[in-house]
Amino acid sequence: MRLADIVVAPIALDLLLAGAALLVFIVDLIIVPKPGKDSRPTKALGYLTSASLVGIFVASFFMEDMIRGEAFSGAYLGTAWTLYFKRLFLVAGVLASLGSIDYVAKHQPHRQGEYYLLLLCSLLGMTLLPGARDVLLLIVCFELMGIPLYILATYAKNDDETGRDRNAPEAGLKLYLIGAASTAITLFGLSWVVGLAGSTDIEVIAQVPASPVFIVGVVMIFAGMGFKIGAVPFHMWVPDTYQGAPTPFVAFLSVAPKAAGFAALITLFHAGFASHAERWLPIILVITTVTLVAGNLMALPQSNIKRLLAYSGVAQIGYMLMAFSTMSAYGTGMLLFYLAAYIVTNTGAFLVIQGVATSTAGDDDIEDLAGLYKRSPALALAMLLFLLSLAGIPFVAGFWGKVYIFMAVWNAGLGWMVLLGALFAVVGLFYYLGVVKAMYMTEPRDEKPVRVGPALGLSIGLCLAGVVGMGVYPSIFVDAAQEAALVFYEGPQAEETGDDAEPAEPRDIQIRVEVDPPGED
C-alpha cells in the first residue's frame, strides 16, 4: 500500500472540498468584477460552488471503500458513520449555495467570493468533525466550522437600500460572543477530563474512573455543546441571530451546525463518557424536557416568521435530545434520520421566506405571507408542506422522524418523555397552523406576484422533493441512518454484516437508563 493511500484516502472527500474552496478563490480573483469597474455582476461563483458540492456528493458513492480507515495517526477514523454526516453536510451546502446565488449577486456582487469561500471552509470543518477520535482534532474542526459562520452572520449588504438587514452586525456579534464563550466552556471541561485521562484520545478517556472532577468536566462540556446546538438554557443567541442574519445563510446556520454539534455530542458522550451515564444522563433529561417545553411555548406569541422558526428549531432540538438520551444504536439511528429530514425541511422553509422577501417590502413578519396562495401558489404549497413536516403531520419527512424517535424513546424505558413529546407536538401545531392561516385564509396586502430566481426555485424544489420523498418512502433513509449508527457503536466490522442486519429493530449497545418523571416518587 502506498503512503499516499494511508495518509490521504480516508479524507479524500475533505480534500476535494478544500480543493473546491481553492478553486472558488482563484476564480474569484479572475472573473468577478471589482468595485469601480463597469461590468455586469456574474453568478458564476454561486453555480461553481453548487456544482462542486454536487460533484463531491456524487463522488462519495464511488469512494465508499476508499475513505474507510484511519488518518492523522489514528486521530481520524473514516467509516459509514462519517460518510453519512459528510453527505448531510454536502446536501445542506448545495441547498444553501443555490439559495444564496440570487441574493448575493444582488446585494454584494463584488463580494461573492468571500461568501462562498467562507461557506466552503465552514463545510470543511463540518465534514472532518464526525471522524474525529481525538479531542484536539474535534476542537480544531469546531473552530474551522465556527469562525466562518461568525463572519457570514455579519455579512454586510451595502447595496441594500431598504435597510432591512441593518441588524446583521448585531446578529454576527451575538453569534461570535456566544460561540467564543461556548468554546471556552468546552475547553475548560475538556481540560479537566483530559487531565484525568492523561490523553486526548477518546478511547483512553472512556476508561477513566468516575470522580466528581470528571463529572463536572463532562457537564461543562455539555454546556458548551449546548450553546452550539441551541438547547435551553443556552439558546439566547438563536432568535436574534436568525432575525438579523441574511436569510439564505440562516437556512444553512439553522441546520448544518446543529448536525455537527450532535455528531460531536454522540462521539464524546456515547463513546467517551458512556460508562458514567447514570451520573450525567439525568441532567441531560432535564435539559431535554426544558428545551422541548420552552421552545414550543416561546414560539407561540411570535409575529416574526424567522423568530418563530428560531424557537421552533429550539423545540426540534428537544426531540433530537430525546433520541440522544436513549443511549442506543437504534435511538441514534433515528436521530440521524431526523437530522436528514430536518435539514431539507427547515432549509426549505427559510428559502421560501427569502423568496417572499424578494417581492415584499416588510420585516419578515408572518403578515408578509398573507395571501401567498394567490401571489405564488407554488411557494404557498411548498411552505405548507415544510410546516406540516416540522409539525409532524402524516405523511411527510418530519412525521416519520417523530414516530421513530418516539419508538426509540419508548423502548429505552422513557415512556413519560414520549407523552411529553406528543403533547408539545400538538402545541406546535398552533403556531405552524397560524402561518398556514395567514397564507391561505388572509387577503394579501400586496397583489404583486412573487417570483423567485431559477437557482432559488431549484433549491426549494430539491427541499420539497426531500420532504415528500422521505415521507412517502422513508425506509431507504432509515436503513442508511441505522447502518451508520451501528458502525459507530459496534465498530467498522459492523459494515461487513450491515446488509444482513435488521436496522429497524431497537438495539441497545451501551446502557439503558430509566428516570422517573419529575414529581413522581
Protein backbone atom coordinates (compact mmCIF):
# COMPACT_ATOMS: atom_id res chain seq x y z
CA MET A 1 0.00 0.00 0.00
CA ARG A 2 1.30 3.41 -0.94
CA LEU A 3 1.98 6.02 1.71
CA ALA A 4 -0.40 8.41 -0.06
CA ASP A 5 -3.20 5.88 0.28
CA ILE A 6 -2.59 5.53 4.00
CA VAL A 7 -2.49 9.24 4.76
CA VAL A 8 -4.88 10.78 2.23
CA ALA A 9 -7.54 8.21 1.34
CA PRO A 10 -9.81 8.49 4.42
CA ILE A 11 -10.05 12.27 4.00
CA ALA A 12 -10.28 12.26 0.20
CA LEU A 13 -13.72 13.91 0.16
CA ASP A 14 -12.49 16.58 2.55
CA LEU A 15 -9.53 17.26 0.29
CA LEU A 16 -11.89 17.62 -2.65
CA LEU A 17 -13.87 20.12 -0.61
CA ALA A 18 -10.69 22.05 0.21
CA GLY A 19 -9.86 21.99 -3.50
CA ALA A 20 -13.29 23.41 -4.31
CA ALA A 21 -12.66 26.26 -1.87
CA LEU A 22 -9.31 26.97 -3.52
CA LEU A 23 -10.94 26.89 -6.96
CA VAL A 24 -13.59 29.40 -5.87
CA PHE A 25 -10.85 31.65 -4.51
CA ILE A 26 -8.89 31.55 -7.78
CA VAL A 27 -11.94 32.07 -9.99
CA ASP A 28 -12.99 34.99 -7.81
CA LEU A 29 -9.66 36.67 -8.47
CA ILE A 30 -10.03 36.22 -12.21
CA ILE A 31 -13.64 36.80 -13.29
CA VAL A 32 -15.65 38.54 -10.57
CA PRO A 33 -15.94 42.30 -11.23
CA LYS A 34 -14.38 44.56 -8.63
CA PRO A 35 -15.84 47.82 -7.32
CA GLY A 36 -15.50 50.68 -9.75
CA LYS A 37 -15.50 48.53 -12.88
CA ASP A 38 -18.37 48.96 -15.30
CA SER A 39 -19.22 45.30 -15.75
CA ARG A 40 -22.27 43.18 -15.16
CA PRO A 41 -22.28 41.11 -11.96
CA THR A 42 -21.88 37.39 -12.54
CA LYS A 43 -23.44 34.47 -10.72
CA ALA A 44 -20.70 32.09 -11.82
CA LEU A 45 -19.21 31.65 -8.35
CA GLY A 46 -22.51 30.53 -6.89
CA TYR A 47 -23.10 27.99 -9.61
CA LEU A 48 -19.47 26.84 -9.39
CA THR A 49 -19.82 26.29 -5.65
CA SER A 50 -23.07 24.39 -6.05
CA ALA A 51 -21.73 22.27 -8.90
CA SER A 52 -18.58 21.45 -6.93
CA LEU A 53 -20.59 20.30 -3.93
CA VAL A 54 -22.88 18.21 -6.13
CA GLY A 55 -19.81 16.63 -7.73
CA ILE A 56 -18.30 15.77 -4.34
CA PHE A 57 -21.63 14.34 -3.18
CA VAL A 58 -21.83 12.09 -6.25
CA ALA A 59 -18.18 11.09 -5.81
CA SER A 60 -18.93 9.92 -2.27
CA PHE A 61 -20.92 7.00 -3.68
CA PHE A 62 -17.93 5.85 -5.74
CA MET A 63 -15.39 6.32 -2.95
CA GLU A 64 -17.10 4.47 -0.09
CA ASP A 65 -14.37 1.84 0.25
CA MET A 66 -11.57 4.33 -0.30
CA ILE A 67 -12.48 6.67 2.53
CA ARG A 68 -12.64 4.00 5.22
CA GLY A 69 -9.66 3.86 7.54
CA GLU A 70 -7.51 5.98 9.81
CA ALA A 71 -5.74 9.27 9.19
CA PHE A 72 -3.69 11.66 11.30
CA SER A 73 -2.11 8.78 13.26
CA GLY A 74 -5.47 7.44 14.37
CA ALA A 75 -6.97 10.80 15.35
CA TYR A 76 -9.42 10.45 12.45
CA LEU A 77 -11.43 7.36 11.53
CA GLY A 78 -13.41 7.09 8.31
CA THR A 79 -16.48 4.80 8.46
CA ALA A 80 -20.09 4.68 7.30
CA TRP A 81 -20.78 6.97 10.27
CA THR A 82 -18.55 9.73 8.93
CA LEU A 83 -19.78 9.21 5.37
CA TYR A 84 -23.40 9.67 6.42
CA PHE A 85 -22.63 13.02 8.03
CA LYS A 86 -20.49 14.16 5.12
CA ARG A 87 -23.43 13.61 2.79
CA LEU A 88 -25.74 15.50 5.13
CA PHE A 89 -23.38 18.48 5.18
CA LEU A 90 -22.88 18.40 1.42
CA VAL A 91 -26.64 18.41 0.86
CA ALA A 92 -27.01 21.35 3.25
CA GLY A 93 -24.20 23.14 1.40
CA VAL A 94 -25.77 22.57 -2.02
CA LEU A 95 -29.15 23.86 -0.86
CA ALA A 96 -27.62 26.91 0.84
CA SER A 97 -25.34 27.83 -2.06
CA LEU A 98 -28.14 27.52 -4.62
CA GLY A 99 -30.45 29.52 -2.39
CA SER A 100 -27.84 32.27 -1.99
CA ILE A 101 -26.99 32.84 -5.67
CA ASP A 102 -29.60 35.49 -6.49
CA TYR A 103 -29.37 37.11 -3.07
CA VAL A 104 -25.58 37.52 -3.03
CA ALA A 105 -25.40 38.63 -6.66
CA LYS A 106 -27.98 41.34 -5.95
CA HIS A 107 -26.76 42.70 -2.62
CA GLN A 108 -22.99 42.19 -2.80
CA PRO A 109 -21.94 41.49 -6.40
CA HIS A 110 -18.33 42.40 -5.65
CA ARG A 111 -18.00 40.23 -2.55
CA GLN A 112 -19.39 36.93 -3.74
CA GLY A 113 -16.04 35.20 -3.42
CA GLU A 114 -15.82 35.79 0.32
CA TYR A 115 -19.33 34.45 0.87
CA TYR A 116 -18.85 31.15 -0.95
CA LEU A 117 -15.29 30.67 0.27
CA LEU A 118 -16.39 31.06 3.89
CA LEU A 119 -19.29 28.69 3.30
CA LEU A 120 -16.94 26.03 1.92
CA CYS A 121 -14.44 26.49 4.75
CA SER A 122 -17.19 26.01 7.31
CA LEU A 123 -18.34 22.90 5.47
CA LEU A 124 -14.78 21.55 5.58
CA GLY A 125 -14.75 21.77 9.36
CA MET A 126 -18.10 20.01 9.50
CA THR A 127 -17.12 17.14 7.22
CA LEU A 128 -13.97 16.41 9.21
CA LEU A 129 -15.67 16.59 12.61
CA PRO A 130 -17.64 13.27 12.71
CA GLY A 131 -14.46 11.27 12.12
CA ALA A 132 -12.54 12.88 14.99
CA ARG A 133 -11.37 10.39 17.61
CA ASP A 134 -9.15 12.87 19.40
CA VAL A 135 -10.45 15.87 21.31
CA LEU A 136 -7.81 18.17 19.82
CA LEU A 137 -8.97 17.40 16.29
CA LEU A 138 -12.56 17.81 17.47
CA ILE A 139 -11.88 21.32 18.75
CA VAL A 140 -9.95 22.29 15.60
CA CYS A 141 -12.89 21.12 13.46
CA PHE A 142 -15.33 23.11 15.59
CA GLU A 143 -13.30 26.27 15.15
CA LEU A 144 -12.87 25.70 11.41
CA MET A 145 -16.63 25.35 11.23
CA GLY A 146 -17.49 28.23 13.56
CA ILE A 147 -15.22 31.13 12.60
CA PRO A 148 -16.54 31.41 9.00
CA LEU A 149 -20.09 31.30 10.40
CA TYR A 150 -19.39 34.32 12.62
CA ILE A 151 -18.25 36.30 9.59
CA LEU A 152 -21.13 35.19 7.38
CA ALA A 153 -23.65 36.23 10.03
CA THR A 154 -22.33 39.80 9.81
CA TYR A 155 -22.29 39.75 6.02
CA ALA A 156 -22.94 43.42 5.25
CA LYS A 157 -25.39 44.21 2.49
CA ASN A 158 -24.15 47.64 1.49
CA ASP A 159 -26.19 47.63 -1.68
CA ASP A 160 -29.44 47.08 0.22
CA GLU A 161 -31.08 50.50 0.17
CA THR A 162 -34.09 49.35 2.20
CA GLY A 163 -32.04 48.89 5.34
CA ARG A 164 -33.95 45.70 6.14
CA ASP A 165 -30.76 43.90 7.12
CA ARG A 166 -29.37 46.57 9.40
CA ASN A 167 -29.33 44.07 12.28
CA ALA A 168 -26.76 41.79 10.63
CA PRO A 169 -23.72 43.16 12.55
CA GLU A 170 -25.54 42.73 15.85
CA ALA A 171 -26.56 39.19 14.88
CA GLY A 172 -23.00 38.29 13.97
CA LEU A 173 -21.61 39.81 17.15
CA LYS A 174 -24.02 37.82 19.32
CA LEU A 175 -23.14 34.63 17.46
CA TYR A 176 -19.43 35.36 17.86
CA LEU A 177 -19.61 36.14 21.58
CA ILE A 178 -21.76 33.11 22.37
CA GLY A 179 -19.56 30.92 20.17
CA ALA A 180 -16.42 32.12 21.92
CA ALA A 181 -18.00 31.55 25.34
CA SER A 182 -19.16 28.05 24.39
CA THR A 183 -15.71 27.14 23.10
CA ALA A 184 -14.12 28.41 26.31
CA ILE A 185 -16.52 26.39 28.47
CA THR A 186 -15.99 23.28 26.35
CA LEU A 187 -12.21 23.63 26.51
CA PHE A 188 -12.32 24.16 30.26
CA GLY A 189 -14.35 20.99 30.73
CA LEU A 190 -12.11 19.05 28.36
CA SER A 191 -9.02 20.20 30.26
CA TRP A 192 -10.36 18.50 33.39
CA VAL A 193 -11.29 15.32 31.56
CA VAL A 194 -8.06 15.14 29.55
CA GLY A 195 -6.03 15.89 32.66
CA LEU A 196 -7.55 12.91 34.46
CA ALA A 197 -7.13 10.65 31.42
CA GLY A 198 -3.60 11.77 30.59
CA SER A 199 -4.51 11.56 26.90
CA THR A 200 -6.60 13.34 24.29
CA ASP A 201 -7.66 10.01 22.74
CA ILE A 202 -11.40 9.46 23.25
CA GLU A 203 -10.90 5.70 23.71
CA VAL A 204 -8.49 6.36 26.58
CA ILE A 205 -10.85 8.92 28.11
CA ALA A 206 -13.60 6.27 28.10
CA GLN A 207 -11.57 4.21 30.59
CA VAL A 208 -11.22 6.96 33.21
CA PRO A 209 -12.91 6.05 36.54
CA ALA A 210 -15.77 8.25 37.66
CA SER A 211 -14.93 11.08 40.03
CA PRO A 212 -16.57 14.39 40.97
CA VAL A 213 -13.98 16.29 38.94
CA PHE A 214 -14.61 14.10 35.89
CA ILE A 215 -18.40 14.56 36.09
CA VAL A 216 -18.04 18.33 36.50
CA GLY A 217 -15.87 18.36 33.37
CA VAL A 218 -18.46 16.32 31.47
CA VAL A 219 -21.27 18.67 32.49
CA MET A 220 -19.22 21.69 31.37
CA ILE A 221 -18.56 20.04 28.03
CA PHE A 222 -22.28 19.51 27.51
CA ALA A 223 -22.96 23.12 28.48
CA GLY A 224 -20.50 24.30 25.83
CA MET A 225 -22.01 21.98 23.23
CA GLY A 226 -25.48 23.11 24.29
CA PHE A 227 -24.65 26.60 23.02
CA LYS A 228 -23.64 25.12 19.65
CA ILE A 229 -26.93 23.27 19.13
CA GLY A 230 -29.15 25.90 20.75
CA ALA A 231 -30.56 23.88 23.65
CA VAL A 232 -32.26 25.66 26.55
CA PRO A 233 -30.91 27.48 28.55
CA PHE A 234 -28.10 28.05 26.04
CA HIS A 235 -30.35 29.28 23.23
CA MET A 236 -30.29 33.05 23.81
CA TRP A 237 -28.42 33.80 20.59
CA VAL A 238 -30.74 31.84 18.30
CA PRO A 239 -33.74 34.17 17.69
CA ASP A 240 -31.72 37.38 17.42
CA THR A 241 -29.15 35.84 15.09
CA TYR A 242 -31.79 34.23 12.88
CA GLN A 243 -33.72 37.50 12.62
CA GLY A 244 -30.72 39.69 11.83
CA ALA A 245 -28.54 37.49 9.61
CA PRO A 246 -29.09 37.07 5.83
CA THR A 247 -31.94 34.62 5.29
CA PRO A 248 -30.13 32.26 2.85
CA PHE A 249 -27.30 31.98 5.36
CA VAL A 250 -29.77 31.37 8.20
CA ALA A 251 -31.16 28.46 6.17
CA PHE A 252 -27.70 26.91 6.46
CA LEU A 253 -26.97 28.06 10.02
CA SER A 254 -30.22 26.58 11.32
CA VAL A 255 -29.40 23.02 10.26
CA ALA A 256 -25.78 22.15 9.44
CA PRO A 257 -24.05 23.34 12.67
CA LYS A 258 -26.70 21.53 14.71
CA ALA A 259 -25.97 18.28 12.88
CA ALA A 260 -22.26 18.83 13.53
CA GLY A 261 -22.98 19.52 17.20
CA PHE A 262 -24.85 16.24 17.58
CA ALA A 263 -22.04 14.37 15.81
CA ALA A 264 -19.65 15.74 18.44
CA LEU A 265 -22.05 15.09 21.32
CA ILE A 266 -22.57 11.46 20.33
CA THR A 267 -18.84 10.94 19.78
CA LEU A 268 -17.95 12.32 23.21
CA PHE A 269 -20.86 11.17 25.34
CA HIS A 270 -21.80 7.83 23.79
CA ALA A 271 -18.20 6.73 23.17
CA GLY A 272 -16.15 8.65 25.72
CA PHE A 273 -18.44 9.09 28.73
CA ALA A 274 -20.98 6.26 28.35
CA SER A 275 -19.67 4.21 31.28
CA HIS A 276 -20.69 7.02 33.65
CA ALA A 277 -24.03 7.83 32.01
CA GLU A 278 -26.01 7.13 35.18
CA ARG A 279 -24.41 10.28 36.64
CA TRP A 280 -24.80 12.77 33.79
CA LEU A 281 -27.83 11.44 31.88
CA PRO A 282 -30.44 12.72 34.39
CA ILE A 283 -29.09 16.24 33.86
CA ILE A 284 -29.49 15.89 30.10
CA LEU A 285 -33.01 14.55 30.52
CA VAL A 286 -33.91 17.69 32.46
CA ILE A 287 -32.36 19.89 29.75
CA THR A 288 -34.23 17.90 27.11
CA THR A 289 -37.53 18.45 28.87
CA VAL A 290 -36.94 22.17 29.39
CA THR A 291 -35.83 22.59 25.77
CA LEU A 292 -38.92 20.86 24.44
CA VAL A 293 -41.29 22.84 26.64
CA ALA A 294 -39.65 26.26 26.40
CA GLY A 295 -39.06 26.10 22.64
CA ASN A 296 -42.71 25.43 21.88
CA LEU A 297 -44.10 27.92 24.39
CA MET A 298 -41.79 30.74 23.26
CA ALA A 299 -42.75 30.15 19.62
CA LEU A 300 -46.47 30.70 20.29
CA PRO A 301 -46.52 34.52 20.62
CA GLN A 302 -44.06 35.27 17.79
CA SER A 303 -45.16 37.53 14.94
CA ASN A 304 -41.86 37.45 13.05
CA ILE A 305 -41.59 34.31 10.95
CA LYS A 306 -37.81 34.00 11.37
CA ARG A 307 -38.08 34.25 15.16
CA LEU A 308 -40.91 31.73 15.10
CA LEU A 309 -38.74 29.27 13.18
CA ALA A 310 -35.87 30.01 15.57
CA TYR A 311 -37.90 28.94 18.60
CA SER A 312 -39.36 26.11 16.57
CA GLY A 313 -35.78 24.99 15.98
CA VAL A 314 -35.16 25.05 19.73
CA ALA A 315 -38.16 22.75 20.17
CA GLN A 316 -36.85 20.46 17.42
CA ILE A 317 -33.59 20.20 19.35
CA GLY A 318 -35.67 18.86 22.23
CA TYR A 319 -36.85 15.97 20.06
CA MET A 320 -33.30 15.29 18.93
CA LEU A 321 -32.10 15.25 22.54
CA MET A 322 -34.83 12.72 23.29
CA ALA A 323 -33.23 10.35 20.80
CA PHE A 324 -29.76 11.22 22.09
CA SER A 325 -30.85 10.30 25.63
CA THR A 326 -31.73 6.72 24.67
CA MET A 327 -28.03 5.80 24.57
CA SER A 328 -28.79 3.14 21.96
CA ALA A 329 -27.84 2.43 18.37
CA TYR A 330 -31.50 2.43 17.38
CA GLY A 331 -32.14 5.79 19.00
CA THR A 332 -29.03 7.28 17.44
CA GLY A 333 -30.03 5.95 14.04
CA MET A 334 -33.41 7.61 14.35
CA LEU A 335 -31.67 10.83 15.38
CA LEU A 336 -29.62 10.66 12.18
CA PHE A 337 -32.79 10.16 10.14
CA TYR A 338 -34.42 13.10 11.94
CA LEU A 339 -31.42 15.29 11.14
CA ALA A 340 -31.75 14.46 7.44
CA ALA A 341 -35.46 15.29 7.49
CA TYR A 342 -34.83 18.48 9.45
CA ILE A 343 -32.16 19.70 7.01
CA VAL A 344 -34.42 19.61 3.95
CA THR A 345 -37.47 20.84 5.88
CA ASN A 346 -36.03 23.80 7.74
CA THR A 347 -33.81 24.88 4.85
CA GLY A 348 -36.82 24.87 2.56
CA ALA A 349 -38.89 26.96 4.97
CA PHE A 350 -36.23 29.67 5.23
CA LEU A 351 -35.72 29.71 1.47
CA VAL A 352 -39.44 30.28 0.94
CA ILE A 353 -39.16 33.24 3.32
CA GLN A 354 -36.31 34.54 1.20
CA GLY A 355 -38.38 34.09 -1.94
CA VAL A 356 -41.23 36.12 -0.48
CA ALA A 357 -38.82 38.80 0.74
CA THR A 358 -37.65 39.45 -2.82
CA SER A 359 -41.12 40.81 -3.68
CA THR A 360 -42.29 42.16 -0.33
CA ALA A 361 -41.20 45.31 1.47
CA GLY A 362 -41.51 44.06 5.03
CA ASP A 363 -39.57 42.80 8.02
CA ASP A 364 -40.15 39.04 7.63
CA ASP A 365 -43.38 39.21 9.62
CA ILE A 366 -45.95 36.46 9.34
CA GLU A 367 -48.25 39.09 7.83
CA ASP A 368 -45.88 39.29 4.86
CA LEU A 369 -47.05 35.77 3.94
CA ALA A 370 -50.70 36.84 3.90
CA GLY A 371 -52.49 35.57 0.81
CA LEU A 372 -49.38 33.86 -0.51
CA TYR A 373 -51.56 31.24 -2.19
CA LYS A 374 -52.75 33.99 -4.55
CA ARG A 375 -49.38 35.61 -5.14
CA SER A 376 -47.49 32.35 -5.62
CA PRO A 377 -49.44 29.07 -5.30
CA ALA A 378 -46.25 27.02 -5.68
CA LEU A 379 -44.43 28.78 -2.83
CA ALA A 380 -47.52 28.55 -0.63
CA LEU A 381 -47.78 24.80 -1.24
CA ALA A 382 -44.08 24.32 -0.55
CA MET A 383 -44.29 26.29 2.70
CA LEU A 384 -47.38 24.32 3.72
CA LEU A 385 -45.54 21.01 3.32
CA PHE A 386 -42.47 22.30 5.15
CA LEU A 387 -44.60 23.45 8.09
CA LEU A 388 -46.53 20.17 8.15
CA SER A 389 -43.22 18.32 8.24
CA LEU A 390 -41.98 20.43 11.15
CA ALA A 391 -45.26 19.75 12.95
CA GLY A 392 -45.01 16.00 12.32
CA ILE A 393 -48.18 15.60 10.24
CA PRO A 394 -48.52 12.45 8.07
CA PHE A 395 -47.10 11.66 5.60
CA VAL A 396 -44.07 13.85 5.20
CA ALA A 397 -40.49 13.52 6.43
CA GLY A 398 -41.00 15.09 9.85
CA PHE A 399 -43.84 12.70 10.69
CA TRP A 400 -41.66 9.61 10.38
CA GLY A 401 -38.85 11.37 12.20
CA LYS A 402 -41.01 11.95 15.26
CA VAL A 403 -42.60 8.49 15.12
CA TYR A 404 -39.23 6.73 15.00
CA ILE A 405 -37.84 8.89 17.81
CA PHE A 406 -40.89 8.16 19.97
CA MET A 407 -40.39 4.43 19.32
CA ALA A 408 -36.74 4.62 20.33
CA VAL A 409 -37.51 6.60 23.48
CA TRP A 410 -40.30 4.22 24.45
CA ASN A 411 -38.02 1.21 24.04
CA ALA A 412 -35.45 2.94 26.26
CA GLY A 413 -37.95 2.98 29.12
CA LEU A 414 -38.72 6.70 28.91
CA GLY A 415 -42.44 6.50 28.24
CA TRP A 416 -43.17 9.72 30.12
CA MET A 417 -40.97 11.60 27.67
CA VAL A 418 -42.92 10.16 24.73
CA LEU A 419 -46.13 11.53 26.23
CA LEU A 420 -44.49 14.91 26.78
CA GLY A 421 -43.17 14.98 23.22
CA ALA A 422 -46.57 14.08 21.78
CA LEU A 423 -48.28 16.75 23.90
CA PHE A 424 -45.97 19.51 22.71
CA ALA A 425 -46.19 18.30 19.13
CA VAL A 426 -49.85 19.28 19.42
CA VAL A 427 -48.84 22.64 20.89
CA GLY A 428 -46.53 23.16 17.92
CA LEU A 429 -49.49 22.78 15.58
CA PHE A 430 -50.93 26.06 16.82
CA TYR A 431 -48.08 28.28 15.67
CA TYR A 432 -47.43 26.33 12.47
CA LEU A 433 -51.11 26.49 11.52
CA GLY A 434 -51.06 30.22 12.30
CA VAL A 435 -48.67 30.65 9.39
CA VAL A 436 -50.82 28.40 7.20
CA LYS A 437 -53.85 30.51 8.09
CA ALA A 438 -52.03 33.66 7.02
CA MET A 439 -51.07 32.11 3.68
CA TYR A 440 -54.46 30.62 2.78
CA MET A 441 -57.14 32.45 4.76
CA THR A 442 -55.94 36.06 4.76
CA GLU A 443 -56.15 38.51 1.91
CA PRO A 444 -52.76 39.70 0.63
CA ARG A 445 -51.64 43.23 1.43
CA ASP A 446 -49.86 43.35 -1.92
CA GLU A 447 -51.31 41.74 -5.05
CA LYS A 448 -47.93 41.70 -6.78
CA PRO A 449 -46.98 38.13 -7.77
CA VAL A 450 -44.00 36.61 -6.01
CA ARG A 451 -41.35 35.46 -8.46
CA VAL A 452 -38.13 33.72 -7.50
CA GLY A 453 -34.98 33.17 -9.50
CA PRO A 454 -34.17 29.80 -11.05
CA ALA A 455 -31.46 28.94 -8.51
CA LEU A 456 -33.65 29.69 -5.50
CA GLY A 457 -36.56 27.87 -7.11
CA LEU A 458 -34.37 24.83 -7.75
CA SER A 459 -33.18 24.80 -4.14
CA ILE A 460 -36.74 24.99 -2.81
CA GLY A 461 -37.76 22.25 -5.24
CA LEU A 462 -34.97 19.97 -4.00
CA CYS A 463 -36.03 20.57 -0.40
CA LEU A 464 -39.61 19.78 -1.32
CA ALA A 465 -38.55 16.58 -3.10
CA GLY A 466 -36.64 15.53 0.01
CA VAL A 467 -39.57 16.20 2.34
CA VAL A 468 -42.02 14.29 0.15
CA GLY A 469 -39.57 11.50 -0.73
CA MET A 470 -38.62 10.81 2.88
CA GLY A 471 -42.28 10.90 3.82
CA VAL A 472 -43.51 8.53 1.13
CA TYR A 473 -40.57 6.13 1.16
CA PRO A 474 -38.60 6.57 4.40
CA SER A 475 -37.10 3.08 4.61
CA ILE A 476 -34.09 3.75 2.37
CA PHE A 477 -33.09 6.73 4.51
CA VAL A 478 -33.80 4.90 7.77
CA ASP A 479 -31.63 1.98 6.67
CA ALA A 480 -28.72 4.29 5.83
CA ALA A 481 -29.04 6.09 9.16
CA GLN A 482 -29.27 2.86 11.13
CA GLU A 483 -26.24 1.39 9.35
CA ALA A 484 -24.20 4.47 10.25
CA ALA A 485 -25.28 4.23 13.89
CA LEU A 486 -24.47 0.52 14.11
CA VAL A 487 -21.00 1.14 12.73
CA PHE A 488 -20.41 3.85 15.32
CA TYR A 489 -21.41 1.59 18.21
CA GLU A 490 -20.06 -1.76 17.05
CA GLY A 491 -17.03 -0.64 15.08
CA PRO A 492 -16.08 -0.89 11.39
CA GLN A 493 -16.65 -4.66 11.44
CA ALA A 494 -20.39 -3.95 11.53
CA GLU A 495 -20.14 -2.68 7.95
CA GLU A 496 -19.29 -6.16 6.75
CA THR A 497 -22.59 -7.56 8.02
CA GLY A 498 -24.65 -4.40 7.71
CA ASP A 499 -26.57 -5.68 4.67
CA ASP A 500 -27.84 -8.69 6.63
CA ALA A 501 -28.83 -6.71 9.71
CA GLU A 502 -32.34 -5.66 10.64
CA PRO A 503 -31.88 -1.91 11.02
CA ALA A 504 -35.40 -1.19 12.12
CA GLU A 505 -35.17 -3.29 15.28
CA PRO A 506 -34.34 -1.46 18.51
CA ARG A 507 -30.95 -2.46 19.81
CA ASP A 508 -29.24 -1.11 22.92
CA ILE A 509 -25.48 -1.05 22.60
CA GLN A 510 -24.23 0.74 25.67
CA ILE A 511 -26.71 1.10 28.51
CA ARG A 512 -30.31 1.78 29.30
CA VAL A 513 -31.12 4.34 31.94
CA GLU A 514 -34.62 4.75 33.34
CA VAL A 515 -35.50 8.00 35.04
CA ASP A 516 -38.80 8.71 36.75
CA PRO A 517 -40.62 11.85 35.70
CA PRO A 518 -40.25 14.89 37.91
CA GLY A 519 -42.50 14.80 40.94
CA GLU A 520 -43.01 11.03 40.86
CA ASP A 521 -41.77 9.00 43.81
